[in-house]
C-alpha cells in the first residue's frame, strides 16, 4: 500500500475512534484492546496502531503498562484545563469576530438563538429542542474560532472540543438548561451586534466560566 493509502486508513481509524467515543460506544476511563478497536472500527490492526500515537499525543488515550490502552478519564484536572484552553482561544476569537463578522452572520446567529429561547419559553424543553440547542451552541463557538482563519488553532480547538463533549456527556448536559444557556449566548451576541469588543469578551468569559463551574460542581 502506498503512503497515501496508509494515511487514509490511519485517518479513518482516528475518525472512527473519535466517533465511537462521542457515541459512547467507548467510555472515558475504559481500558480497551487494539483487537477490540479493530472490531469497533472495522479497520485493520495496522491502521489502529498507526492512529494510536496521534490519539496519545492529543490526550484521548494513554498506554498503561500491563493494562493496555485507556481512554481519557474525565477528572477535575481535565475539566479545568479544557475550559482554560477555551477561554484563552475564544477571548481572542470573539474579539476578532466582533470587529469583522458581517451584519448578516451576526443576525443569523441572533435569530437562531432567539427562536430557540422563544420555543423553550413557550413549549418547554423537549429532547428535540435540546439537541437543536446543543448544535447551535457549538456552532456559535465554532464560528468565533473559524473567524481567526488559523488552521493550527482550529485543529487544536477541534481536539479540545472532543474533550469538551466528553465532559458534557459525563458532567453537564444542556438538557434542562436551554433557557439559561440561550440567555448567556444572547448577551454575547447582543454585545457583538453593538461591536463592543470589551463587552463581548467579558460576557463570553463569564459564560465559559459558568459552564466550567457547573461541570466541576457535579
N, C-alpha and C. Protein backbone atom coordinates (compact mmCIF):
# COMPACT_ATOMS: atom_id res chain seq x y z
N UNK A 1 0.84 -1.20 0.00
CA UNK A 1 0.00 0.00 0.00
C UNK A 1 0.88 1.25 0.00
N UNK A 2 0.50 2.25 -0.81
CA UNK A 2 1.32 3.45 -0.86
C UNK A 2 1.07 4.32 0.37
N UNK A 3 1.89 5.40 0.49
CA UNK A 3 1.79 6.25 1.67
C UNK A 3 0.42 6.90 1.80
N UNK A 4 -0.17 7.26 0.64
CA UNK A 4 -1.48 7.90 0.67
C UNK A 4 -2.53 6.95 1.22
N UNK A 5 -2.46 5.69 0.80
CA UNK A 5 -3.41 4.69 1.30
C UNK A 5 -3.26 4.46 2.78
N UNK A 6 -2.02 4.40 3.26
CA UNK A 6 -1.78 4.21 4.69
C UNK A 6 -2.30 5.40 5.49
N UNK A 7 -2.07 6.59 4.95
CA UNK A 7 -2.54 7.79 5.63
C UNK A 7 -4.06 7.81 5.70
N UNK A 8 -4.71 7.39 4.61
CA UNK A 8 -6.17 7.36 4.58
C UNK A 8 -6.71 6.40 5.63
N UNK A 9 -6.12 5.22 5.73
CA UNK A 9 -6.56 4.25 6.74
C UNK A 9 -6.32 4.77 8.15
N UNK A 10 -5.18 5.42 8.34
CA UNK A 10 -4.87 5.99 9.65
C UNK A 10 -5.88 7.07 10.02
N UNK A 11 -6.22 7.91 9.05
CA UNK A 11 -7.21 8.96 9.30
C UNK A 11 -8.57 8.34 9.60
N UNK A 12 -8.93 7.31 8.86
CA UNK A 12 -10.22 6.65 9.08
C UNK A 12 -10.27 6.02 10.46
N UNK A 13 -9.15 5.44 10.88
CA UNK A 13 -9.09 4.82 12.22
C UNK A 13 -9.27 5.89 13.29
N UNK A 14 -8.61 7.01 13.10
CA UNK A 14 -8.73 8.12 14.06
C UNK A 14 -10.17 8.64 14.12
N UNK A 15 -10.74 8.91 12.95
CA UNK A 15 -12.10 9.45 12.90
C UNK A 15 -13.11 8.45 13.47
N UNK A 16 -12.90 7.17 13.17
CA UNK A 16 -13.82 6.16 13.68
C UNK A 16 -13.75 6.07 15.20
N UNK A 17 -12.53 6.13 15.74
CA UNK A 17 -12.39 6.07 17.20
C UNK A 17 -13.10 7.24 17.86
N UNK A 18 -12.87 8.46 17.36
CA UNK A 18 -13.49 9.62 17.98
C UNK A 18 -15.01 9.57 17.84
N UNK A 19 -15.49 9.02 16.71
CA UNK A 19 -16.94 8.86 16.53
C UNK A 19 -17.51 7.93 17.60
N UNK A 20 -16.86 6.78 17.80
CA UNK A 20 -17.35 5.83 18.80
C UNK A 20 -17.22 6.39 20.21
N UNK A 21 -16.21 7.20 20.43
CA UNK A 21 -16.02 7.83 21.73
C UNK A 21 -17.17 8.79 22.03
N UNK A 22 -17.51 9.63 21.06
CA UNK A 22 -18.59 10.60 21.26
C UNK A 22 -19.96 9.94 21.24
N UNK A 23 -20.05 8.75 20.61
CA UNK A 23 -21.31 8.00 20.60
C UNK A 23 -21.47 7.16 21.86
N UNK A 24 -20.45 7.19 22.71
CA UNK A 24 -20.45 6.48 24.00
C UNK A 24 -20.36 4.96 23.83
N UNK A 25 -19.89 4.51 22.67
CA UNK A 25 -19.58 3.09 22.49
C UNK A 25 -18.30 2.76 23.26
N UNK A 26 -17.46 3.77 23.41
CA UNK A 26 -16.25 3.68 24.22
C UNK A 26 -16.38 4.75 25.29
N UNK A 27 -16.13 4.40 26.53
CA UNK A 27 -16.39 5.32 27.63
C UNK A 27 -15.11 5.88 28.23
N UNK A 28 -15.15 7.11 28.72
CA UNK A 28 -13.98 7.68 29.40
C UNK A 28 -13.50 6.79 30.54
N UNK A 29 -12.18 6.59 30.60
CA UNK A 29 -11.59 5.76 31.64
C UNK A 29 -11.56 4.28 31.33
N UNK A 30 -12.24 3.88 30.26
CA UNK A 30 -12.32 2.46 29.91
C UNK A 30 -10.99 1.96 29.35
N UNK A 31 -10.63 0.72 29.72
CA UNK A 31 -9.50 0.05 29.08
C UNK A 31 -10.01 -0.69 27.85
N UNK A 32 -9.25 -0.60 26.78
CA UNK A 32 -9.69 -1.22 25.53
C UNK A 32 -8.49 -1.77 24.78
N UNK A 33 -8.65 -2.93 24.20
CA UNK A 33 -7.55 -3.56 23.47
C UNK A 33 -7.55 -3.11 22.02
N UNK A 34 -6.40 -3.28 21.38
CA UNK A 34 -6.31 -2.98 19.96
C UNK A 34 -7.25 -3.88 19.16
N UNK A 35 -7.39 -5.12 19.59
CA UNK A 35 -8.29 -6.05 18.90
C UNK A 35 -9.73 -5.56 18.97
N UNK A 36 -10.11 -5.03 20.12
CA UNK A 36 -11.47 -4.50 20.27
C UNK A 36 -11.67 -3.28 19.37
N UNK A 37 -10.64 -2.48 19.22
CA UNK A 37 -10.73 -1.32 18.33
C UNK A 37 -10.88 -1.76 16.88
N UNK A 38 -10.23 -2.85 16.53
CA UNK A 38 -10.40 -3.42 15.18
C UNK A 38 -11.86 -3.80 14.97
N UNK A 39 -12.46 -4.45 15.97
CA UNK A 39 -13.86 -4.86 15.87
C UNK A 39 -14.79 -3.65 15.76
N UNK A 40 -14.51 -2.63 16.55
CA UNK A 40 -15.36 -1.44 16.55
C UNK A 40 -15.29 -0.67 15.24
N UNK A 41 -14.07 -0.49 14.75
CA UNK A 41 -13.87 0.36 13.57
C UNK A 41 -14.01 -0.39 12.26
N UNK A 42 -13.81 -1.71 12.30
CA UNK A 42 -13.83 -2.48 11.06
C UNK A 42 -12.61 -2.24 10.20
N UNK A 43 -11.55 -1.71 10.81
CA UNK A 43 -10.32 -1.40 10.08
C UNK A 43 -9.20 -2.33 10.52
N UNK A 44 -8.16 -2.49 9.69
CA UNK A 44 -7.08 -3.42 10.03
C UNK A 44 -6.28 -2.98 11.25
N UNK A 45 -5.65 -3.96 11.88
CA UNK A 45 -4.86 -3.70 13.08
C UNK A 45 -3.76 -2.68 12.81
N UNK A 46 -3.16 -2.76 11.62
CA UNK A 46 -2.09 -1.82 11.27
C UNK A 46 -2.57 -0.38 11.31
N UNK A 47 -3.79 -0.13 10.83
CA UNK A 47 -4.33 1.23 10.84
C UNK A 47 -4.57 1.71 12.26
N UNK A 48 -5.04 0.81 13.12
CA UNK A 48 -5.26 1.16 14.53
C UNK A 48 -3.93 1.54 15.17
N UNK A 49 -2.91 0.73 14.94
CA UNK A 49 -1.60 1.01 15.54
C UNK A 49 -1.02 2.32 15.02
N UNK A 50 -1.30 2.64 13.76
CA UNK A 50 -0.81 3.90 13.20
C UNK A 50 -1.52 5.10 13.83
N UNK A 51 -2.78 4.92 14.22
CA UNK A 51 -3.56 6.03 14.78
C UNK A 51 -3.26 6.27 16.25
N UNK A 52 -2.76 5.26 16.95
CA UNK A 52 -2.57 5.37 18.40
C UNK A 52 -1.64 6.52 18.80
N UNK A 53 -0.48 6.72 18.15
CA UNK A 53 0.38 7.85 18.56
C UNK A 53 -0.32 9.20 18.50
N UNK A 54 -1.15 9.41 17.49
CA UNK A 54 -1.89 10.68 17.40
C UNK A 54 -2.91 10.79 18.54
N UNK A 55 -3.62 9.70 18.81
CA UNK A 55 -4.60 9.72 19.89
C UNK A 55 -3.93 9.96 21.24
N UNK A 56 -2.73 9.39 21.41
CA UNK A 56 -1.97 9.61 22.65
C UNK A 56 -1.50 11.06 22.74
N UNK A 57 -0.98 11.58 21.63
CA UNK A 57 -0.47 12.96 21.62
C UNK A 57 -1.58 13.96 21.92
N UNK A 58 -2.79 13.63 21.51
CA UNK A 58 -3.92 14.54 21.73
C UNK A 58 -4.59 14.31 23.09
N UNK A 59 -4.08 13.35 23.84
CA UNK A 59 -4.62 13.12 25.18
C UNK A 59 -5.94 12.39 25.21
N UNK A 60 -6.29 11.71 24.11
CA UNK A 60 -7.56 10.99 24.06
C UNK A 60 -7.43 9.56 24.59
N UNK A 61 -6.22 9.00 24.51
CA UNK A 61 -5.95 7.71 25.13
C UNK A 61 -4.54 7.75 25.72
N UNK A 62 -4.24 6.79 26.57
CA UNK A 62 -2.87 6.64 27.06
C UNK A 62 -2.59 5.15 27.22
N UNK A 63 -1.32 4.79 27.10
CA UNK A 63 -0.90 3.41 27.28
C UNK A 63 -0.51 3.20 28.74
N UNK A 64 -1.15 2.23 29.37
CA UNK A 64 -0.87 1.92 30.77
C UNK A 64 -0.11 0.59 30.81
N UNK A 65 1.09 0.57 31.36
CA UNK A 65 1.87 -0.68 31.41
C UNK A 65 1.08 -1.82 32.05
N UNK A 66 1.14 -2.97 31.42
CA UNK A 66 0.47 -4.19 31.88
C UNK A 66 -1.06 -4.17 31.72
N UNK A 67 -1.60 -3.02 31.31
CA UNK A 67 -3.06 -2.92 31.19
C UNK A 67 -3.52 -2.65 29.77
N UNK A 68 -2.71 -1.97 28.98
CA UNK A 68 -3.09 -1.66 27.62
C UNK A 68 -3.51 -0.22 27.45
N UNK A 69 -4.48 0.01 26.58
CA UNK A 69 -4.91 1.37 26.25
C UNK A 69 -6.06 1.79 27.16
N UNK A 70 -5.96 3.01 27.66
CA UNK A 70 -7.04 3.56 28.48
C UNK A 70 -7.55 4.85 27.86
N UNK A 71 -8.86 4.92 27.69
CA UNK A 71 -9.49 6.12 27.16
C UNK A 71 -9.36 7.24 28.19
N UNK A 72 -9.22 8.46 27.71
CA UNK A 72 -9.08 9.62 28.60
C UNK A 72 -10.13 9.60 29.69
N UNK A 73 -9.69 9.84 30.91
CA UNK A 73 -10.58 9.85 32.06
C UNK A 73 -11.00 11.28 32.35
N UNK A 74 -12.29 11.49 32.61
CA UNK A 74 -12.79 12.83 32.91
C UNK A 74 -12.57 13.10 34.40
N UNK A 75 -11.58 13.94 34.70
CA UNK A 75 -11.32 14.30 36.09
C UNK A 75 -11.25 15.82 36.22
N UNK A 76 -11.04 16.28 37.43
CA UNK A 76 -11.04 17.72 37.70
C UNK A 76 -9.97 18.45 36.90
N UNK A 77 -8.79 17.84 36.80
CA UNK A 77 -7.71 18.49 36.05
C UNK A 77 -8.06 18.66 34.58
N UNK A 78 -8.63 17.61 33.98
CA UNK A 78 -9.02 17.70 32.57
C UNK A 78 -10.07 18.79 32.37
N UNK A 79 -11.04 18.84 33.26
CA UNK A 79 -12.09 19.85 33.15
C UNK A 79 -11.50 21.26 33.23
N UNK A 80 -10.68 21.49 34.23
CA UNK A 80 -10.08 22.82 34.39
C UNK A 80 -9.23 23.20 33.19
N UNK A 81 -8.41 22.27 32.73
CA UNK A 81 -7.51 22.57 31.61
C UNK A 81 -8.28 22.80 30.31
N UNK A 82 -9.31 21.99 30.07
CA UNK A 82 -10.09 22.13 28.84
C UNK A 82 -10.81 23.47 28.79
N UNK A 83 -11.38 23.88 29.92
CA UNK A 83 -12.08 25.16 29.95
C UNK A 83 -11.10 26.33 29.89
N UNK A 84 -9.95 26.20 30.55
CA UNK A 84 -8.94 27.26 30.48
C UNK A 84 -8.46 27.44 29.05
N UNK A 85 -8.27 26.34 28.34
CA UNK A 85 -7.85 26.38 26.94
C UNK A 85 -8.89 27.14 26.12
N UNK A 86 -10.16 26.85 26.37
CA UNK A 86 -11.23 27.54 25.64
C UNK A 86 -11.19 29.05 25.88
N UNK A 87 -11.03 29.43 27.13
CA UNK A 87 -11.02 30.86 27.45
C UNK A 87 -9.88 31.57 26.73
N UNK A 88 -8.68 30.98 26.76
CA UNK A 88 -7.54 31.60 26.09
C UNK A 88 -7.81 31.82 24.60
N UNK A 89 -8.33 30.79 23.93
CA UNK A 89 -8.55 30.90 22.49
C UNK A 89 -9.77 31.74 22.14
N UNK A 90 -10.86 31.53 22.85
CA UNK A 90 -12.11 32.16 22.44
C UNK A 90 -12.17 33.66 22.76
N UNK A 91 -11.42 34.11 23.75
CA UNK A 91 -11.39 35.56 24.02
C UNK A 91 -10.85 36.31 22.81
N UNK A 92 -9.76 35.84 22.25
CA UNK A 92 -9.19 36.48 21.06
C UNK A 92 -10.11 36.29 19.86
N UNK A 93 -10.70 35.09 19.77
CA UNK A 93 -11.57 34.79 18.63
C UNK A 93 -12.81 35.67 18.62
N UNK A 94 -13.46 35.82 19.78
CA UNK A 94 -14.68 36.63 19.81
C UNK A 94 -14.37 38.11 19.60
N UNK A 95 -13.19 38.54 20.03
CA UNK A 95 -12.79 39.93 19.79
C UNK A 95 -12.68 40.20 18.29
N UNK A 96 -12.04 39.28 17.57
CA UNK A 96 -11.90 39.43 16.12
C UNK A 96 -13.26 39.31 15.44
N UNK A 97 -14.07 38.35 15.89
CA UNK A 97 -15.40 38.16 15.30
C UNK A 97 -16.24 39.42 15.47
N UNK A 98 -16.15 40.05 16.63
CA UNK A 98 -16.92 41.27 16.89
C UNK A 98 -16.53 42.38 15.93
N UNK A 99 -15.25 42.45 15.62
CA UNK A 99 -14.77 43.50 14.72
C UNK A 99 -15.08 43.20 13.25
N UNK A 100 -15.03 41.92 12.88
CA UNK A 100 -15.00 41.59 11.45
C UNK A 100 -16.22 40.86 10.90
N UNK A 101 -17.04 40.27 11.74
CA UNK A 101 -18.18 39.49 11.24
C UNK A 101 -19.16 40.39 10.50
N UNK A 102 -19.77 39.84 9.47
CA UNK A 102 -20.76 40.62 8.73
C UNK A 102 -22.04 40.77 9.55
N UNK A 103 -22.79 41.81 9.25
CA UNK A 103 -24.07 42.01 9.93
C UNK A 103 -24.98 40.80 9.70
N UNK A 104 -24.91 40.22 8.51
CA UNK A 104 -25.76 39.08 8.18
C UNK A 104 -25.41 37.86 9.03
N UNK A 105 -24.12 37.63 9.24
CA UNK A 105 -23.68 36.49 10.05
C UNK A 105 -24.15 36.65 11.49
N UNK A 106 -24.04 37.87 12.01
CA UNK A 106 -24.48 38.14 13.38
C UNK A 106 -25.99 37.99 13.49
N UNK A 107 -26.71 38.52 12.50
CA UNK A 107 -28.18 38.43 12.51
C UNK A 107 -28.64 36.98 12.47
N UNK A 108 -27.94 36.14 11.71
CA UNK A 108 -28.30 34.73 11.63
C UNK A 108 -28.15 34.04 12.98
N UNK A 109 -27.03 34.30 13.65
CA UNK A 109 -26.81 33.70 14.98
C UNK A 109 -27.85 34.20 15.98
N UNK A 110 -28.15 35.48 15.93
CA UNK A 110 -29.15 36.03 16.84
C UNK A 110 -30.51 35.38 16.61
N UNK A 111 -30.90 35.22 15.36
CA UNK A 111 -32.21 34.61 15.06
C UNK A 111 -32.26 33.17 15.55
N UNK A 112 -31.19 32.41 15.30
CA UNK A 112 -31.16 31.02 15.76
C UNK A 112 -31.39 30.94 17.27
N UNK A 113 -30.69 31.79 18.00
CA UNK A 113 -30.79 31.75 19.46
C UNK A 113 -32.13 32.28 19.96
N UNK A 114 -32.64 33.33 19.34
CA UNK A 114 -33.93 33.87 19.76
C UNK A 114 -35.05 32.87 19.50
N UNK A 115 -34.98 32.17 18.37
CA UNK A 115 -36.00 31.17 18.06
C UNK A 115 -36.01 30.05 19.10
N UNK A 116 -34.81 29.60 19.49
CA UNK A 116 -34.72 28.54 20.49
C UNK A 116 -35.21 29.04 21.84
N UNK A 117 -34.79 30.24 22.23
CA UNK A 117 -35.22 30.80 23.51
C UNK A 117 -36.74 30.94 23.57
N UNK A 118 -37.33 31.38 22.46
CA UNK A 118 -38.78 31.54 22.40
C UNK A 118 -39.48 30.18 22.48
N UNK A 119 -38.94 29.20 21.77
CA UNK A 119 -39.53 27.85 21.80
C UNK A 119 -39.45 27.25 23.20
N UNK A 120 -38.33 27.46 23.88
CA UNK A 120 -38.16 26.93 25.24
C UNK A 120 -39.13 27.62 26.20
N UNK A 121 -39.35 28.90 25.98
CA UNK A 121 -40.25 29.66 26.85
C UNK A 121 -41.70 29.25 26.65
N UNK A 122 -42.07 28.99 25.41
CA UNK A 122 -43.48 28.73 25.09
C UNK A 122 -43.87 27.26 25.20
N UNK A 123 -42.95 26.39 24.81
CA UNK A 123 -43.34 24.98 24.75
C UNK A 123 -42.55 24.06 25.67
N UNK A 124 -41.66 24.61 26.45
CA UNK A 124 -40.86 23.74 27.31
C UNK A 124 -39.67 23.17 26.56
N UNK A 125 -38.84 22.43 27.28
CA UNK A 125 -37.58 21.92 26.71
C UNK A 125 -37.73 20.44 26.35
N UNK A 126 -38.05 20.20 25.09
CA UNK A 126 -38.17 18.83 24.60
C UNK A 126 -36.79 18.30 24.23
N UNK A 127 -36.63 16.96 24.13
CA UNK A 127 -35.35 16.40 23.70
C UNK A 127 -34.91 16.92 22.33
N UNK A 128 -35.87 17.13 21.44
CA UNK A 128 -35.54 17.62 20.10
C UNK A 128 -35.01 19.05 20.17
N UNK A 129 -35.66 19.87 20.99
CA UNK A 129 -35.20 21.26 21.14
C UNK A 129 -33.83 21.30 21.80
N UNK A 130 -33.62 20.45 22.79
CA UNK A 130 -32.33 20.41 23.48
C UNK A 130 -31.21 20.00 22.53
N UNK A 131 -31.49 19.02 21.66
CA UNK A 131 -30.49 18.60 20.69
C UNK A 131 -30.17 19.72 19.71
N UNK A 132 -31.21 20.40 19.24
CA UNK A 132 -31.02 21.53 18.32
C UNK A 132 -30.24 22.65 19.01
N UNK A 133 -30.59 22.93 20.27
CA UNK A 133 -29.90 23.97 21.02
C UNK A 133 -28.42 23.65 21.20
N UNK A 134 -28.11 22.37 21.42
CA UNK A 134 -26.72 21.97 21.58
C UNK A 134 -25.93 22.21 20.30
N UNK A 135 -26.54 21.89 19.15
CA UNK A 135 -25.86 22.10 17.87
C UNK A 135 -25.64 23.60 17.61
N UNK A 136 -26.63 24.41 17.92
CA UNK A 136 -26.50 25.86 17.74
C UNK A 136 -25.45 26.42 18.70
N UNK A 137 -25.42 25.90 19.92
CA UNK A 137 -24.42 26.29 20.91
C UNK A 137 -23.02 26.06 20.36
N UNK A 138 -22.74 24.83 19.95
CA UNK A 138 -21.41 24.52 19.40
C UNK A 138 -21.12 25.35 18.15
N UNK A 139 -22.16 25.55 17.33
CA UNK A 139 -21.98 26.30 16.09
C UNK A 139 -21.53 27.72 16.33
N UNK A 140 -22.06 28.36 17.38
CA UNK A 140 -21.65 29.73 17.67
C UNK A 140 -20.17 29.79 18.06
N UNK A 141 -19.77 28.91 18.95
CA UNK A 141 -18.37 28.91 19.39
C UNK A 141 -17.43 28.57 18.24
N UNK A 142 -17.84 27.62 17.39
CA UNK A 142 -17.03 27.27 16.22
C UNK A 142 -16.89 28.46 15.28
N UNK A 143 -17.96 29.24 15.14
CA UNK A 143 -17.92 30.41 14.26
C UNK A 143 -16.89 31.43 14.75
N UNK A 144 -16.79 31.58 16.06
CA UNK A 144 -15.79 32.50 16.60
C UNK A 144 -14.38 32.04 16.23
N UNK A 145 -14.12 30.74 16.44
CA UNK A 145 -12.79 30.19 16.15
C UNK A 145 -12.49 30.26 14.66
N UNK A 146 -13.48 29.93 13.83
CA UNK A 146 -13.28 29.96 12.38
C UNK A 146 -12.91 31.36 11.89
N UNK A 147 -13.39 32.37 12.59
CA UNK A 147 -13.10 33.76 12.19
C UNK A 147 -11.61 34.07 12.25
N UNK A 148 -10.87 33.31 13.04
CA UNK A 148 -9.42 33.54 13.14
C UNK A 148 -8.70 33.14 11.85
N UNK A 149 -9.29 32.20 11.10
CA UNK A 149 -8.67 31.77 9.85
C UNK A 149 -7.31 31.12 10.05
N UNK A 150 -7.15 30.41 11.17
CA UNK A 150 -5.86 29.80 11.51
C UNK A 150 -6.06 28.30 11.69
N UNK A 151 -5.52 27.51 10.76
CA UNK A 151 -5.76 26.06 10.79
C UNK A 151 -5.11 25.39 12.00
N UNK A 152 -3.98 25.92 12.47
CA UNK A 152 -3.33 25.34 13.65
C UNK A 152 -4.23 25.50 14.87
N UNK A 153 -4.78 26.71 15.03
CA UNK A 153 -5.69 26.95 16.15
C UNK A 153 -6.96 26.13 16.00
N UNK A 154 -7.50 26.08 14.78
CA UNK A 154 -8.74 25.32 14.56
C UNK A 154 -8.56 23.85 14.88
N UNK A 155 -7.43 23.27 14.50
CA UNK A 155 -7.18 21.86 14.79
C UNK A 155 -7.03 21.62 16.29
N UNK A 156 -6.32 22.51 16.97
CA UNK A 156 -6.16 22.37 18.42
C UNK A 156 -7.50 22.53 19.12
N UNK A 157 -8.30 23.46 18.63
CA UNK A 157 -9.63 23.68 19.22
C UNK A 157 -10.52 22.47 18.99
N UNK A 158 -10.40 21.85 17.81
CA UNK A 158 -11.21 20.67 17.49
C UNK A 158 -10.92 19.54 18.48
N UNK A 159 -9.64 19.32 18.77
CA UNK A 159 -9.28 18.26 19.73
C UNK A 159 -9.85 18.59 21.10
N UNK A 160 -9.73 19.84 21.51
CA UNK A 160 -10.29 20.23 22.81
C UNK A 160 -11.81 20.10 22.82
N UNK A 161 -12.43 20.32 21.66
CA UNK A 161 -13.88 20.19 21.57
C UNK A 161 -14.33 18.76 21.82
N UNK A 162 -13.52 17.79 21.38
CA UNK A 162 -13.84 16.39 21.67
C UNK A 162 -13.86 16.17 23.18
N UNK A 163 -12.86 16.71 23.86
CA UNK A 163 -12.80 16.58 25.33
C UNK A 163 -13.98 17.31 25.97
N UNK A 164 -14.33 18.48 25.43
CA UNK A 164 -15.46 19.22 25.97
C UNK A 164 -16.76 18.43 25.84
N UNK A 165 -16.92 17.75 24.73
CA UNK A 165 -18.16 16.99 24.53
C UNK A 165 -18.21 15.79 25.47
N UNK A 166 -17.05 15.21 25.75
CA UNK A 166 -16.99 14.13 26.73
C UNK A 166 -17.35 14.67 28.12
N UNK A 167 -16.83 15.85 28.44
CA UNK A 167 -17.17 16.48 29.72
C UNK A 167 -18.67 16.74 29.79
N UNK A 168 -19.24 17.24 28.70
CA UNK A 168 -20.68 17.50 28.67
C UNK A 168 -21.48 16.22 28.93
N UNK A 169 -21.04 15.13 28.31
CA UNK A 169 -21.75 13.86 28.47
C UNK A 169 -21.68 13.35 29.90
N UNK A 170 -20.50 13.50 30.51
CA UNK A 170 -20.29 12.95 31.85
C UNK A 170 -20.72 13.89 32.96
N UNK A 171 -20.59 15.20 32.73
CA UNK A 171 -20.75 16.15 33.83
C UNK A 171 -21.87 17.17 33.66
N UNK A 172 -22.10 17.62 32.44
CA UNK A 172 -23.09 18.68 32.27
C UNK A 172 -23.67 18.63 30.87
N UNK A 173 -24.97 18.40 30.81
CA UNK A 173 -25.67 18.43 29.53
C UNK A 173 -26.53 19.68 29.46
N UNK A 174 -26.84 20.07 28.24
CA UNK A 174 -27.68 21.26 28.07
C UNK A 174 -29.12 20.98 28.49
N UNK A 175 -29.48 19.69 28.57
CA UNK A 175 -30.83 19.31 28.96
C UNK A 175 -31.24 19.98 30.27
N UNK A 176 -32.37 20.68 30.23
CA UNK A 176 -32.85 21.38 31.40
C UNK A 176 -32.25 22.76 31.60
N UNK A 177 -31.32 23.13 30.73
CA UNK A 177 -30.63 24.42 30.88
C UNK A 177 -30.69 25.26 29.61
N UNK A 178 -31.59 24.92 28.70
CA UNK A 178 -31.64 25.63 27.42
C UNK A 178 -31.88 27.12 27.62
N UNK A 179 -32.82 27.47 28.48
CA UNK A 179 -33.15 28.89 28.68
C UNK A 179 -31.95 29.68 29.18
N UNK A 180 -31.26 29.15 30.19
CA UNK A 180 -30.14 29.88 30.77
C UNK A 180 -28.96 29.98 29.80
N UNK A 181 -28.70 28.90 29.06
CA UNK A 181 -27.60 28.92 28.09
C UNK A 181 -27.90 29.89 26.96
N UNK A 182 -29.13 29.87 26.44
CA UNK A 182 -29.50 30.79 25.38
C UNK A 182 -29.43 32.24 25.86
N UNK A 183 -29.80 32.48 27.12
CA UNK A 183 -29.73 33.84 27.68
C UNK A 183 -28.29 34.33 27.69
N UNK A 184 -27.36 33.45 28.10
CA UNK A 184 -25.95 33.83 28.12
C UNK A 184 -25.42 34.07 26.71
N UNK A 185 -25.81 33.21 25.78
CA UNK A 185 -25.37 33.38 24.39
C UNK A 185 -25.91 34.67 23.79
N UNK A 186 -27.18 34.95 24.05
CA UNK A 186 -27.77 36.17 23.50
C UNK A 186 -27.10 37.42 24.05
N UNK A 187 -26.66 37.37 25.30
CA UNK A 187 -25.94 38.52 25.87
C UNK A 187 -24.63 38.74 25.12
N UNK A 188 -23.95 37.65 24.77
CA UNK A 188 -22.71 37.74 23.98
C UNK A 188 -23.02 38.32 22.61
N UNK A 189 -24.04 37.77 21.96
CA UNK A 189 -24.36 38.17 20.59
C UNK A 189 -24.86 39.61 20.51
N UNK A 190 -25.57 40.06 21.52
CA UNK A 190 -26.02 41.46 21.55
C UNK A 190 -24.82 42.39 21.64
N UNK A 191 -23.82 42.00 22.43
CA UNK A 191 -22.59 42.81 22.52
C UNK A 191 -21.86 42.82 21.18
N UNK A 192 -21.84 41.68 20.51
CA UNK A 192 -21.21 41.60 19.19
C UNK A 192 -21.95 42.49 18.20
N UNK A 193 -23.28 42.46 18.26
CA UNK A 193 -24.08 43.30 17.36
C UNK A 193 -23.75 44.78 17.53
N UNK A 194 -23.48 45.18 18.78
CA UNK A 194 -23.11 46.58 19.05
C UNK A 194 -21.65 46.86 18.71
N UNK A 195 -20.93 45.80 18.33
CA UNK A 195 -19.49 45.89 18.03
C UNK A 195 -18.70 46.32 19.27
N UNK A 196 -19.18 45.87 20.43
CA UNK A 196 -18.50 46.18 21.69
C UNK A 196 -17.58 45.02 22.05
N UNK A 197 -16.32 45.13 21.68
CA UNK A 197 -15.36 44.06 21.92
C UNK A 197 -15.23 43.75 23.40
N UNK A 198 -15.12 44.80 24.20
CA UNK A 198 -14.92 44.60 25.65
C UNK A 198 -16.09 43.82 26.27
N UNK A 199 -17.32 44.21 25.92
CA UNK A 199 -18.49 43.52 26.48
C UNK A 199 -18.58 42.09 25.98
N UNK A 200 -18.29 41.88 24.69
CA UNK A 200 -18.37 40.53 24.13
C UNK A 200 -17.38 39.60 24.81
N UNK A 201 -16.15 40.06 25.00
CA UNK A 201 -15.12 39.25 25.66
C UNK A 201 -15.52 38.96 27.10
N UNK A 202 -16.00 39.99 27.79
CA UNK A 202 -16.39 39.82 29.20
C UNK A 202 -17.53 38.81 29.34
N UNK A 203 -18.53 38.92 28.48
CA UNK A 203 -19.69 38.03 28.58
C UNK A 203 -19.35 36.61 28.15
N UNK A 204 -18.51 36.47 27.14
CA UNK A 204 -18.07 35.13 26.73
C UNK A 204 -17.29 34.46 27.85
N UNK A 205 -16.37 35.20 28.46
CA UNK A 205 -15.57 34.64 29.55
C UNK A 205 -16.45 34.19 30.70
N UNK A 206 -17.44 35.01 31.05
CA UNK A 206 -18.37 34.65 32.13
C UNK A 206 -19.15 33.40 31.77
N UNK A 207 -19.57 33.31 30.51
CA UNK A 207 -20.33 32.14 30.03
C UNK A 207 -19.51 30.86 30.15
N UNK A 208 -18.26 30.90 29.70
CA UNK A 208 -17.42 29.70 29.77
C UNK A 208 -17.13 29.34 31.22
N UNK A 209 -16.89 30.32 32.06
CA UNK A 209 -16.63 30.05 33.48
C UNK A 209 -17.86 29.46 34.16
N UNK A 210 -19.04 29.92 33.79
CA UNK A 210 -20.27 29.35 34.35
C UNK A 210 -20.39 27.88 33.98
N UNK A 211 -20.10 27.56 32.71
CA UNK A 211 -20.15 26.17 32.27
C UNK A 211 -19.12 25.32 33.01
N UNK A 212 -17.92 25.88 33.19
CA UNK A 212 -16.87 25.18 33.94
C UNK A 212 -17.33 24.89 35.37
N UNK A 213 -17.90 25.89 36.01
CA UNK A 213 -18.32 25.72 37.40
C UNK A 213 -19.42 24.67 37.53
N UNK A 214 -20.33 24.63 36.54
CA UNK A 214 -21.38 23.61 36.57
C UNK A 214 -20.78 22.21 36.43
N UNK A 215 -19.79 22.09 35.55
CA UNK A 215 -19.15 20.79 35.34
C UNK A 215 -18.39 20.34 36.59
N UNK A 216 -17.73 21.28 37.26
CA UNK A 216 -16.95 20.94 38.45
C UNK A 216 -17.84 20.65 39.65
N UNK A 217 -19.07 21.18 39.63
CA UNK A 217 -19.95 21.03 40.79
C UNK A 217 -20.63 19.67 40.85
N UNK A 218 -20.62 18.93 39.74
CA UNK A 218 -21.32 17.64 39.70
C UNK A 218 -20.61 16.63 40.58
